[in-house]
Amino acid sequence: MDSIMQNISTWISAMRLRTLPLSIAGIILAACFANYNGVFKWDIFILALLTTLSFQILSNLANDYGDGIKGTDNEDRIGPERAIQSGDILPEELFNAIKLNIVISIILAFTLIFAAFGSKHFLLTLLFFLLAIGSIVAAIRYTVGSNAYGYNGLGDVFVFLFFGVISVIGCYVLFAKQLDHVTFLPAITIGLLSTAVLNLNNMRDRLTDEKANKITLAVKLGERNVKKYHNVLVFGAIILSGLFGVLYFTSPYNLIFMITYVPLLLHLKRVNRNIDPKLFDPELKKLALTTVLLAVLMGVGYLLPL
């Protein structure tokens, strides 16, 4: 029994549960806007959550596999020990889990698309099929393969697109069957903060990644410029979300998300003063949870009664 529980614990650890809340922040925000506009449906919401979680777990497993077999995860790494790195899971076992996860992701994504569009909206159905396949490919290709985009400084672009633009705007289209300008600034906001989470992770691992020839944007920018970039991401999110609050103001409740500016500014203060890569690690959880809180409050602020 102890060995079974330990094995389960090992696989749960490999899935990196602490990354999952951030992955669904955009879904929750889009669902709130859909509810406000009278197009919310529970089946679409639940399937969107499950699909997104399956994509994120796939990305986490593939990331562990890619970094593990390339030797990027080694004794020099600062963050939590990975599955292959620790030896608790063999590369072959992780590869088989990735294949199973791909099947689950495809089933969930196709079920979601059918629930949202049925036999109607052919062009939207086709578009979201392509997005689903693209999401699966992107989840795998982040670290897997000879031309993995995470090793070429492109991870930030993909996180911005998938965690921000596609998560918020795409999910809203699943509900409403059309675009709505109300989602644009929130999508960019969540995209910027999600990119900041990745950047913080890459700042922590910058020296070890460079040593392992994993050329992230943090490696390309260097210690000083990557902090400036981080400030641009977080301040950009604050400015654009504030602009959204002003442009779409209907009641004081709309602005409750602004309380998250306090932890965001404190976060920037700590990052700018920090010179020890190890101290970036505790900031990851704080920034990710603050991003989730901002998304939830931004959406709920339109659902609270006057």
C-alpha atoms as a PDB file:
ATOM      1  CA  MET A   1       0.000   0.000   0.000  1.00  0.00           C
ATOM      2  CA  ASP A   2       2.841   2.387   0.890  1.00  0.00           C
ATOM      3  CA  SER A   3       4.516   1.766  -2.470  1.00  0.00           C
ATOM      4  CA  ILE A   4       1.234   2.394  -4.318  1.00  0.00           C
ATOM      5  CA  MET A   5       0.667   5.655  -2.453  1.00  0.00           C
ATOM      6  CA  GLN A   6       4.249   6.702  -3.106  1.00  0.00           C
ATOM      7  CA  ASN A   7       3.815   5.942  -6.811  1.00  0.00           C
ATOM      8  CA  ILE A   8       0.613   8.009  -6.939  1.00  0.00           C
ATOM      9  CA  SER A   9       2.354  10.835  -5.119  1.00  0.00           C
ATOM     10  CA  THR A  10       5.203  10.721  -7.628  1.00  0.00           C
ATOM     11  CA  TRP A  11       2.856  11.045 -10.594  1.00  0.00           C
ATOM     12  CA  ILE A  12       0.877  13.833  -8.936  1.00  0.00           C
ATOM     13  CA  SER A  13       4.151  15.645  -8.353  1.00  0.00           C
ATOM     14  CA  ALA A  14       5.071  15.197 -12.026  1.00  0.00           C
ATOM     15  CA  MET A  15       1.774  16.819 -13.028  1.00  0.00           C
ATOM     16  CA  ARG A  16       2.816  19.943 -11.053  1.00  0.00           C
ATOM     17  CA  LEU A  17      -0.511  20.782  -9.488  1.00  0.00           C
ATOM     18  CA  ARG A  18       0.665  24.236  -8.451  1.00  0.00           C
ATOM     19  CA  THR A  19       0.672  25.290 -12.126  1.00  0.00           C
ATOM     20  CA  LEU A  20      -2.959  24.316 -12.719  1.00  0.00           C
ATOM     21  CA  PRO A  21      -4.797  27.309 -11.164  1.00  0.00           C
ATOM     22  CA  LEU A  22      -3.031  29.731 -13.502  1.00  0.00           C
ATOM     23  CA  SER A  23      -4.015  27.682 -16.540  1.00  0.00           C
ATOM     24  CA  ILE A  24      -7.745  28.084 -15.796  1.00  0.00           C
ATOM     25  CA  ALA A  25      -7.670  31.783 -14.830  1.00  0.00           C
ATOM     26  CA  GLY A  26      -8.670  32.878 -18.317  1.00  0.00           C
ATOM     27  CA  ILE A  27     -11.448  30.290 -18.488  1.00  0.00           C
ATOM     28  CA  ILE A  28     -13.017  31.585 -15.279  1.00  0.00           C
ATOM     29  CA  LEU A  29     -12.785  35.180 -16.497  1.00  0.00           C
ATOM     30  CA  ALA A  30     -14.379  34.342 -19.859  1.00  0.00           C
ATOM     31  CA  ALA A  31     -17.146  32.406 -18.107  1.00  0.00           C
ATOM     32  CA  CYS A  32     -17.961  35.425 -15.920  1.00  0.00           C
ATOM     33  CA  PHE A  33     -18.254  37.681 -18.960  1.00  0.00           C
ATOM     34  CA  ALA A  34     -20.400  35.066 -20.675  1.00  0.00           C
ATOM     35  CA  ASN A  35     -22.664  34.956 -17.627  1.00  0.00           C
ATOM     36  CA  TYR A  36     -22.924  38.750 -17.572  1.00  0.00           C
ATOM     37  CA  ASN A  37     -23.951  38.742 -21.234  1.00  0.00           C
ATOM     38  CA  GLY A  38     -26.447  35.912 -20.786  1.00  0.00           C
ATOM     39  CA  VAL A  39     -24.667  33.233 -22.853  1.00  0.00           C
ATOM     40  CA  PHE A  40     -23.128  31.100 -20.078  1.00  0.00           C
ATOM     41  CA  LYS A  41     -23.603  27.308 -20.132  1.00  0.00           C
ATOM     42  CA  TRP A  42     -22.391  24.953 -17.420  1.00  0.00           C
ATOM     43  CA  ASP A  43     -21.471  22.070 -19.746  1.00  0.00           C
ATOM     44  CA  ILE A  44     -19.215  24.300 -21.841  1.00  0.00           C
ATOM     45  CA  PHE A  45     -17.619  25.764 -18.711  1.00  0.00           C
ATOM     46  CA  ILE A  46     -16.861  22.368 -17.124  1.00  0.00           C
ATOM     47  CA  LEU A  47     -15.554  20.899 -20.384  1.00  0.00           C
ATOM     48  CA  ALA A  48     -13.411  23.995 -20.982  1.00  0.00           C
ATOM     49  CA  LEU A  49     -11.899  23.617 -17.501  1.00  0.00           C
ATOM     50  CA  LEU A  50     -11.184  19.911 -17.998  1.00  0.00           C
ATOM     51  CA  THR A  51      -9.726  20.474 -21.469  1.00  0.00           C
ATOM     52  CA  THR A  52      -7.473  23.261 -20.273  1.00  0.00           C
ATOM     53  CA  LEU A  53      -6.291  21.233 -17.301  1.00  0.00           C
ATOM     54  CA  SER A  54      -5.510  18.287 -19.582  1.00  0.00           C
ATOM     55  CA  PHE A  55      -3.470  20.581 -21.861  1.00  0.00           C
ATOM     56  CA  GLN A  56      -1.546  21.980 -18.883  1.00  0.00           C
ATOM     57  CA  ILE A  57      -0.811  18.546 -17.424  1.00  0.00           C
ATOM     58  CA  LEU A  58       0.320  17.403 -20.875  1.00  0.00           C
ATOM     59  CA  SER A  59       2.630  20.400 -21.074  1.00  0.00           C
ATOM     60  CA  ASN A  60       4.035  19.692 -17.608  1.00  0.00           C
ATOM     61  CA  LEU A  61       4.711  16.031 -18.365  1.00  0.00           C
ATOM     62  CA  ALA A  62       6.248  16.851 -21.749  1.00  0.00           C
ATOM     63  CA  ASN A  63       8.362  19.570 -20.141  1.00  0.00           C
ATOM     64  CA  ASP A  64       9.667  17.107 -17.579  1.00  0.00           C
ATOM     65  CA  TYR A  65      10.378  14.565 -20.313  1.00  0.00           C
ATOM     66  CA  GLY A  66      12.081  17.029 -22.666  1.00  0.00           C
ATOM     67  CA  ASP A  67      14.270  18.652 -20.024  1.00  0.00           C
ATOM     68  CA  GLY A  68      14.977  15.265 -18.445  1.00  0.00           C
ATOM     69  CA  ILE A  69      16.276  13.467 -21.514  1.00  0.00           C
ATOM     70  CA  LYS A  70      18.288  16.523 -22.583  1.00  0.00           C
ATOM     71  CA  GLY A  71      19.962  16.779 -19.185  1.00  0.00           C
ATOM     72  CA  THR A  72      18.651  20.276 -18.499  1.00  0.00           C
ATOM     73  CA  ASP A  73      17.232  19.079 -15.188  1.00  0.00           C
ATOM     74  CA  ASN A  74      20.356  18.250 -13.219  1.00  0.00           C
ATOM     75  CA  GLU A  75      21.919  18.751  -9.797  1.00  0.00           C
ATOM     76  CA  ASP A  76      22.474  22.461 -10.540  1.00  0.00           C
ATOM     77  CA  ARG A  77      18.749  23.159 -10.929  1.00  0.00           C
ATOM     78  CA  ILE A  78      17.251  25.424  -8.257  1.00  0.00           C
ATOM     79  CA  GLY A  79      13.534  24.598  -8.468  1.00  0.00           C
ATOM     80  CA  PRO A  80      11.683  21.473  -7.299  1.00  0.00           C
ATOM     81  CA  GLU A  81      13.228  18.165  -8.369  1.00  0.00           C
ATOM     82  CA  ARG A  82      11.632  16.744 -11.517  1.00  0.00           C
ATOM     83  CA  ALA A  83      10.406  13.185 -12.072  1.00  0.00           C
ATOM     84  CA  ILE A  84      13.097  11.963 -14.499  1.00  0.00           C
ATOM     85  CA  GLN A  85      15.769  13.943 -12.675  1.00  0.00           C
ATOM     86  CA  SER A  86      14.930  12.176  -9.413  1.00  0.00           C
ATOM     87  CA  GLY A  87      14.758   8.761 -11.053  1.00  0.00           C
ATOM     88  CA  ASP A  88      11.296   8.115  -9.614  1.00  0.00           C
ATOM     89  CA  ILE A  89       9.815   7.846 -13.118  1.00  0.00           C
ATOM     90  CA  LEU A  90      11.619   6.325 -16.080  1.00  0.00           C
ATOM     91  CA  PRO A  91      11.662   8.214 -19.404  1.00  0.00           C
ATOM     92  CA  GLU A  92       9.743   5.349 -21.043  1.00  0.00           C
ATOM     93  CA  GLU A  93       7.028   5.508 -18.379  1.00  0.00           C
ATOM     94  CA  LEU A  94       6.701   9.267 -18.757  1.00  0.00           C
ATOM     95  CA  PHE A  95       6.572   8.982 -22.544  1.00  0.00           C
ATOM     96  CA  ASN A  96       3.702   6.472 -22.285  1.00  0.00           C
ATOM     97  CA  ALA A  97       1.881   8.814 -19.880  1.00  0.00           C
ATOM     98  CA  ILE A  98       2.278  11.633 -22.406  1.00  0.00           C
ATOM     99  CA  LYS A  99       0.706   9.498 -25.145  1.00  0.00           C
ATOM    100  CA  LEU A 100      -2.230   8.650 -22.869  1.00  0.00           C
ATOM    101  CA  ASN A 101      -2.628  12.313 -21.972  1.00  0.00           C
ATOM    102  CA  ILE A 102      -2.715  13.257 -25.661  1.00  0.00           C
ATOM    103  CA  VAL A 103      -5.634  10.881 -26.208  1.00  0.00           C
ATOM    104  CA  ILE A 104      -7.481  12.295 -23.185  1.00  0.00           C
ATOM    105  CA  SER A 105      -6.841  15.868 -24.371  1.00  0.00           C
ATOM    106  CA  ILE A 106      -8.150  15.127 -27.859  1.00  0.00           C
ATOM    107  CA  ILE A 107     -11.320  13.488 -26.507  1.00  0.00           C
ATOM    108  CA  LEU A 108     -11.997  16.373 -24.122  1.00  0.00           C
ATOM    109  CA  ALA A 109     -11.264  19.050 -26.726  1.00  0.00           C
ATOM    110  CA  PHE A 110     -13.483  17.465 -29.384  1.00  0.00           C
ATOM    111  CA  THR A 111     -16.290  16.953 -26.841  1.00  0.00           C
ATOM    112  CA  LEU A 112     -16.009  20.607 -25.828  1.00  0.00           C
ATOM    113  CA  ILE A 113     -16.154  21.791 -29.435  1.00  0.00           C
ATOM    114  CA  PHE A 114     -19.193  19.611 -30.165  1.00  0.00           C
ATOM    115  CA  ALA A 115     -20.948  20.833 -26.993  1.00  0.00           C
ATOM    116  CA  ALA A 116     -20.286  24.448 -27.958  1.00  0.00           C
ATOM    117  CA  PHE A 117     -21.103  24.387 -31.666  1.00  0.00           C
ATOM    118  CA  GLY A 118     -22.974  21.146 -32.373  1.00  0.00           C
ATOM    119  CA  SER A 119     -23.466  20.669 -36.095  1.00  0.00           C
ATOM    120  CA  LYS A 120     -23.721  24.403 -36.671  1.00  0.00           C
ATOM    121  CA  HIS A 121     -21.039  27.101 -36.985  1.00  0.00           C
ATOM    122  CA  PHE A 122     -18.829  25.084 -39.331  1.00  0.00           C
ATOM    123  CA  LEU A 123     -16.063  27.694 -39.575  1.00  0.00           C
ATOM    124  CA  LEU A 124     -15.837  28.075 -35.795  1.00  0.00           C
ATOM    125  CA  THR A 125     -15.799  24.298 -35.404  1.00  0.00           C
ATOM    126  CA  LEU A 126     -12.948  24.027 -37.899  1.00  0.00           C
ATOM    127  CA  LEU A 127     -11.048  26.893 -36.238  1.00  0.00           C
ATOM    128  CA  PHE A 128     -11.322  25.354 -32.780  1.00  0.00           C
ATOM    129  CA  PHE A 129     -10.313  21.925 -34.061  1.00  0.00           C
ATOM    130  CA  LEU A 130      -7.140  23.553 -35.382  1.00  0.00           C
ATOM    131  CA  LEU A 131      -6.641  25.407 -32.102  1.00  0.00           C
ATOM    132  CA  ALA A 132      -7.029  22.157 -30.165  1.00  0.00           C
ATOM    133  CA  ILE A 133      -4.437  20.382 -32.280  1.00  0.00           C
ATOM    134  CA  GLY A 134      -2.185  23.439 -32.086  1.00  0.00           C
ATOM    135  CA  SER A 135      -2.508  23.488 -28.300  1.00  0.00           C
ATOM    136  CA  ILE A 136      -1.488  19.847 -28.051  1.00  0.00           C
ATOM    137  CA  VAL A 137       1.476  20.327 -30.372  1.00  0.00           C
ATOM    138  CA  ALA A 138       2.544  23.472 -28.508  1.00  0.00           C
ATOM    139  CA  ALA A 139       2.299  21.680 -25.149  1.00  0.00           C
ATOM    140  CA  ILE A 140       4.675  18.988 -26.367  1.00  0.00           C
ATOM    141  CA  ARG A 141       7.061  21.077 -28.455  1.00  0.00           C
ATOM    142  CA  TYR A 142       7.941  23.448 -25.618  1.00  0.00           C
ATOM    143  CA  THR A 143      10.873  21.253 -24.588  1.00  0.00           C
ATOM    144  CA  VAL A 144      10.551  18.080 -26.692  1.00  0.00           C
ATOM    145  CA  GLY A 145      12.405  17.746 -29.997  1.00  0.00           C
ATOM    146  CA  SER A 146      15.553  19.195 -31.539  1.00  0.00           C
ATOM    147  CA  ASN A 147      13.842  22.528 -32.304  1.00  0.00           C
ATOM    148  CA  ALA A 148      11.847  22.908 -29.075  1.00  0.00           C
ATOM    149  CA  TYR A 149      10.667  26.516 -28.949  1.00  0.00           C
ATOM    150  CA  GLY A 150      11.301  26.752 -25.206  1.00  0.00           C
ATOM    151  CA  TYR A 151      15.002  26.353 -25.986  1.00  0.00           C
ATOM    152  CA  ASN A 152      14.935  29.205 -28.492  1.00  0.00           C
ATOM    153  CA  GLY A 153      13.431  32.044 -26.473  1.00  0.00           C
ATOM    154  CA  LEU A 154       9.894  31.645 -27.839  1.00  0.00           C
ATOM    155  CA  GLY A 155       8.183  30.293 -24.731  1.00  0.00           C
ATOM    156  CA  ASP A 156       6.996  33.751 -23.726  1.00  0.00           C
ATOM    157  CA  VAL A 157       5.129  34.243 -26.997  1.00  0.00           C
ATOM    158  CA  PHE A 158       3.294  30.935 -26.712  1.00  0.00           C
ATOM    159  CA  VAL A 159       2.357  31.485 -23.052  1.00  0.00           C
ATOM    160  CA  PHE A 160       0.975  34.935 -23.872  1.00  0.00           C
ATOM    161  CA  LEU A 161      -1.119  33.515 -26.708  1.00  0.00           C
ATOM    162  CA  PHE A 162      -2.423  30.354 -25.047  1.00  0.00           C
ATOM    163  CA  PHE A 163      -2.829  31.577 -21.443  1.00  0.00           C
ATOM    164  CA  GLY A 164      -4.136  35.001 -22.420  1.00  0.00           C
ATOM    165  CA  VAL A 165      -5.544  35.529 -25.890  1.00  0.00           C
ATOM    166  CA  ILE A 166      -6.838  32.028 -26.627  1.00  0.00           C
ATOM    167  CA  SER A 167      -7.847  31.258 -23.031  1.00  0.00           C
ATOM    168  CA  VAL A 168     -10.012  34.358 -22.519  1.00  0.00           C
ATOM    169  CA  ILE A 169     -11.139  35.317 -26.014  1.00  0.00           C
ATOM    170  CA  GLY A 170     -11.329  31.741 -27.302  1.00  0.00           C
ATOM    171  CA  CYS A 171     -13.320  30.489 -24.321  1.00  0.00           C
ATOM    172  CA  TYR A 172     -15.741  33.399 -24.593  1.00  0.00           C
ATOM    173  CA  VAL A 173     -16.353  32.517 -28.257  1.00  0.00           C
ATOM    174  CA  LEU A 174     -17.242  28.982 -27.155  1.00  0.00           C
ATOM    175  CA  PHE A 175     -20.084  30.492 -25.141  1.00  0.00           C
ATOM    176  CA  ALA A 176     -21.169  33.375 -27.365  1.00  0.00           C
ATOM    177  CA  LYS A 177     -20.261  32.049 -30.848  1.00  0.00           C
ATOM    178  CA  GLN A 178     -18.798  35.484 -31.616  1.00  0.00           C
ATOM    179  CA  LEU A 179     -16.034  37.879 -30.602  1.00  0.00           C
ATOM    180  CA  ASP A 180     -16.687  40.633 -28.079  1.00  0.00           C
ATOM    181  CA  HIS A 181     -14.353  43.597 -27.551  1.00  0.00           C
ATOM    182  CA  VAL A 182     -14.962  43.415 -23.805  1.00  0.00           C
ATOM    183  CA  THR A 183     -12.596  40.418 -23.655  1.00  0.00           C
ATOM    184  CA  PHE A 184      -9.615  41.996 -25.436  1.00  0.00           C
ATOM    185  CA  LEU A 185      -7.972  44.008 -22.632  1.00  0.00           C
ATOM    186  CA  PRO A 186      -8.559  41.289 -19.994  1.00  0.00           C
ATOM    187  CA  ALA A 187      -7.060  38.700 -22.348  1.00  0.00           C
ATOM    188  CA  ILE A 188      -3.925  40.794 -22.815  1.00  0.00           C
ATOM    189  CA  THR A 189      -3.743  41.421 -19.060  1.00  0.00           C
ATOM    190  CA  ILE A 190      -3.869  37.724 -18.163  1.00  0.00           C
ATOM    191  CA  GLY A 191      -1.463  36.964 -21.014  1.00  0.00           C
ATOM    192  CA  LEU A 192       1.085  39.468 -19.716  1.00  0.00           C
ATOM    193  CA  LEU A 193       0.902  38.206 -16.134  1.00  0.00           C
ATOM    194  CA  SER A 194       1.102  34.562 -17.238  1.00  0.00           C
ATOM    195  CA  THR A 195       4.163  35.462 -19.300  1.00  0.00           C
ATOM    196  CA  ALA A 196       5.597  37.146 -16.204  1.00  0.00           C
ATOM    197  CA  VAL A 197       5.181  33.863 -14.308  1.00  0.00           C
ATOM    198  CA  LEU A 198       7.155  32.042 -17.004  1.00  0.00           C
ATOM    199  CA  ASN A 199       9.738  34.808 -17.065  1.00  0.00           C
ATOM    200  CA  LEU A 200      10.162  34.575 -13.298  1.00  0.00           C
ATOM    201  CA  ASN A 201      10.693  30.832 -13.638  1.00  0.00           C
ATOM    202  CA  ASN A 202      13.288  31.484 -16.332  1.00  0.00           C
ATOM    203  CA  MET A 203      14.961  34.173 -14.209  1.00  0.00           C
ATOM    204  CA  ARG A 204      15.355  31.613 -11.445  1.00  0.00           C
ATOM    205  CA  ASP A 205      16.856  29.074 -13.848  1.00  0.00           C
ATOM    206  CA  ARG A 206      18.773  31.531 -16.052  1.00  0.00           C
ATOM    207  CA  LEU A 207      22.293  30.455 -15.111  1.00  0.00           C
ATOM    208  CA  THR A 208      21.590  26.713 -15.126  1.00  0.00           C
ATOM    209  CA  ASP A 209      19.585  26.977 -18.377  1.00  0.00           C
ATOM    210  CA  GLU A 210      22.443  28.818 -20.081  1.00  0.00           C
ATOM    211  CA  LYS A 211      24.862  26.146 -18.872  1.00  0.00           C
ATOM    212  CA  ALA A 212      22.566  23.446 -20.314  1.00  0.00           C
ATOM    213  CA  ASN A 213      22.164  25.384 -23.598  1.00  0.00           C
ATOM    214  CA  LYS A 214      18.494  26.104 -22.971  1.00  0.00           C
ATOM    215  CA  ILE A 215      18.327  29.599 -24.432  1.00  0.00           C
ATOM    216  CA  THR A 216      15.248  31.170 -22.887  1.00  0.00           C
ATOM    217  CA  LEU A 217      14.448  34.853 -23.284  1.00  0.00           C
ATOM    218  CA  ALA A 218      15.854  35.390 -19.793  1.00  0.00           C
ATOM    219  CA  VAL A 219      19.173  33.955 -20.956  1.00  0.00           C
ATOM    220  CA  LYS A 220      19.146  36.180 -24.033  1.00  0.00           C
ATOM    221  CA  LEU A 221      18.337  39.342 -22.090  1.00  0.00           C
ATOM    222  CA  GLY A 222      20.736  38.871 -19.196  1.00  0.00           C
ATOM    223  CA  GLU A 223      20.330  39.706 -15.517  1.00  0.00           C
ATOM    224  CA  ARG A 224      19.594  43.454 -15.774  1.00  0.00           C
ATOM    225  CA  ASN A 225      17.443  43.514 -18.902  1.00  0.00           C
ATOM    226  CA  VAL A 226      15.324  40.533 -17.879  1.00  0.00           C
ATOM    227  CA  LYS A 227      14.256  42.434 -14.751  1.00  0.00           C
ATOM    228  CA  LYS A 228      13.316  45.420 -16.912  1.00  0.00           C
ATOM    229  CA  TYR A 229      11.311  43.075 -19.116  1.00  0.00           C
ATOM    230  CA  HIS A 230       9.589  41.657 -16.031  1.00  0.00           C
ATOM    231  CA  ASN A 231       8.626  45.163 -14.934  1.00  0.00           C
ATOM    232  CA  VAL A 232       7.176  45.869 -18.389  1.00  0.00           C
ATOM    233  CA  LEU A 233       5.037  42.727 -18.216  1.00  0.00           C
ATOM    234  CA  VAL A 234       3.605  43.421 -14.758  1.00  0.00           C
ATOM    235  CA  PHE A 235       3.220  47.192 -15.149  1.00  0.00           C
ATOM    236  CA  GLY A 236       1.685  46.605 -18.586  1.00  0.00           C
ATOM    237  CA  ALA A 237      -0.899  44.304 -17.022  1.00  0.00           C
ATOM    238  CA  ILE A 238      -1.679  46.861 -14.317  1.00  0.00           C
ATOM    239  CA  ILE A 239      -2.083  49.707 -16.817  1.00  0.00           C
ATOM    240  CA  LEU A 240      -4.229  47.745 -19.281  1.00  0.00           C
ATOM    241  CA  SER A 241      -6.456  46.251 -16.600  1.00  0.00           C
ATOM    242  CA  GLY A 242      -6.894  49.718 -15.105  1.00  0.00           C
ATOM    243  CA  LEU A 243      -7.835  51.034 -18.546  1.00  0.00           C
ATOM    244  CA  PHE A 244     -10.367  48.214 -18.858  1.00  0.00           C
ATOM    245  CA  GLY A 245     -11.847  49.144 -15.483  1.00  0.00           C
ATOM    246  CA  VAL A 246     -12.342  52.734 -16.633  1.00  0.00           C
ATOM    247  CA  LEU A 247     -13.653  51.977 -20.118  1.00  0.00           C
ATOM    248  CA  TYR A 248     -16.139  49.320 -19.019  1.00  0.00           C
ATOM    249  CA  PHE A 249     -17.179  50.797 -15.674  1.00  0.00           C
ATOM    250  CA  THR A 250     -20.773  50.097 -14.639  1.00  0.00           C
ATOM    251  CA  SER A 251     -20.453  49.910 -10.842  1.00  0.00           C
ATOM    252  CA  PRO A 252     -17.770  50.204  -8.116  1.00  0.00           C
ATOM    253  CA  TYR A 253     -17.732  46.399  -7.873  1.00  0.00           C
ATOM    254  CA  ASN A 254     -16.107  46.303 -11.314  1.00  0.00           C
ATOM    255  CA  LEU A 255     -12.914  47.689  -9.783  1.00  0.00           C
ATOM    256  CA  ILE A 256     -12.416  45.195  -6.936  1.00  0.00           C
ATOM    257  CA  PHE A 257      -9.702  43.455  -8.975  1.00  0.00           C
ATOM    258  CA  MET A 258      -7.490  46.497  -8.365  1.00  0.00           C
ATOM    259  CA  ILE A 259      -6.719  45.242  -4.854  1.00  0.00           C
ATOM    260  CA  THR A 260      -4.357  42.794  -6.561  1.00  0.00           C
ATOM    261  CA  TYR A 261      -2.178  45.749  -7.569  1.00  0.00           C
ATOM    262  CA  VAL A 262      -0.807  45.786  -4.006  1.00  0.00           C
ATOM    263  CA  PRO A 263       0.739  42.276  -4.107  1.00  0.00           C
ATOM    264  CA  LEU A 264       1.846  42.872  -7.705  1.00  0.00           C
ATOM    265  CA  LEU A 265       3.753  46.020  -6.772  1.00  0.00           C
ATOM    266  CA  LEU A 266       5.244  44.345  -3.691  1.00  0.00           C
ATOM    267  CA  HIS A 267       6.273  41.476  -5.941  1.00  0.00           C
ATOM    268  CA  LEU A 268       8.086  43.846  -8.298  1.00  0.00           C
ATOM    269  CA  LYS A 269       9.851  45.470  -5.362  1.00  0.00           C
ATOM    270  CA  ARG A 270      11.175  42.101  -4.193  1.00  0.00           C
ATOM    271  CA  VAL A 271      12.187  41.010  -7.692  1.00  0.00           C
ATOM    272  CA  ASN A 272      14.041  44.235  -8.430  1.00  0.00           C
ATOM    273  CA  ARG A 273      15.993  44.038  -5.189  1.00  0.00           C
ATOM    274  CA  ASN A 274      16.761  40.337  -5.398  1.00  0.00           C
ATOM    275  CA  ILE A 275      20.202  39.092  -6.479  1.00  0.00           C
ATOM    276  CA  ASP A 276      19.818  35.455  -5.402  1.00  0.00           C
ATOM    277  CA  PRO A 277      18.112  33.226  -8.040  1.00  0.00           C
ATOM    278  CA  LYS A 278      16.842  30.901  -5.310  1.00  0.00           C
ATOM    279  CA  LEU A 279      14.655  33.682  -3.908  1.00  0.00           C
ATOM    280  CA  PHE A 280      12.715  33.915  -7.161  1.00  0.00           C
ATOM    281  CA  ASP A 281      11.141  30.509  -6.490  1.00  0.00           C
ATOM    282  CA  PRO A 282       8.761  31.561  -3.655  1.00  0.00           C
ATOM    283  CA  GLU A 283       7.678  34.520  -5.802  1.00  0.00           C
ATOM    284  CA  LEU A 284       6.369  32.137  -8.476  1.00  0.00           C
ATOM    285  CA  LYS A 285       3.467  30.905  -6.373  1.00  0.00           C
ATOM    286  CA  LYS A 286       2.626  34.421  -5.196  1.00  0.00           C
ATOM    287  CA  LEU A 287       2.559  35.849  -8.717  1.00  0.00           C
ATOM    288  CA  ALA A 288       0.568  32.928 -10.138  1.00  0.00           C
ATOM    289  CA  LEU A 289      -2.076  33.078  -7.388  1.00  0.00           C
ATOM    290  CA  THR A 290      -2.293  36.868  -7.664  1.00  0.00           C
ATOM    291  CA  THR A 291      -2.941  36.473 -11.393  1.00  0.00           C
ATOM    292  CA  VAL A 292      -5.716  33.969 -10.704  1.00  0.00           C
ATOM    293  CA  LEU A 293      -7.214  36.274  -8.069  1.00  0.00           C
ATOM    294  CA  LEU A 294      -7.138  39.230 -10.476  1.00  0.00           C
ATOM    295  CA  ALA A 295      -8.917  37.178 -13.149  1.00  0.00           C
ATOM    296  CA  VAL A 296     -11.585  35.956 -10.736  1.00  0.00           C
ATOM    297  CA  LEU A 297     -12.230  39.401  -9.258  1.00  0.00           C
ATOM    298  CA  MET A 298     -12.270  41.053 -12.679  1.00  0.00           C
ATOM    299  CA  GLY A 299     -15.004  38.648 -13.771  1.00  0.00           C
ATOM    300  CA  VAL A 300     -16.979  38.454 -10.517  1.00  0.00           C
ATOM    301  CA  GLY A 301     -16.960  42.254 -10.293  1.00  0.00           C
ATOM    302  CA  TYR A 302     -19.506  42.301 -13.121  1.00  0.00           C
ATOM    303  CA  LEU A 303     -21.739  39.678 -11.538  1.00  0.00           C
ATOM    304  CA  LEU A 304     -22.203  41.239  -8.107  1.00  0.00           C
ATOM    305  CA  PRO A 305     -25.582  42.979  -7.697  1.00  0.00           C
ATOM    306  CA  LEU A 306     -25.702  46.762  -7.437  1.00  0.00           C
END
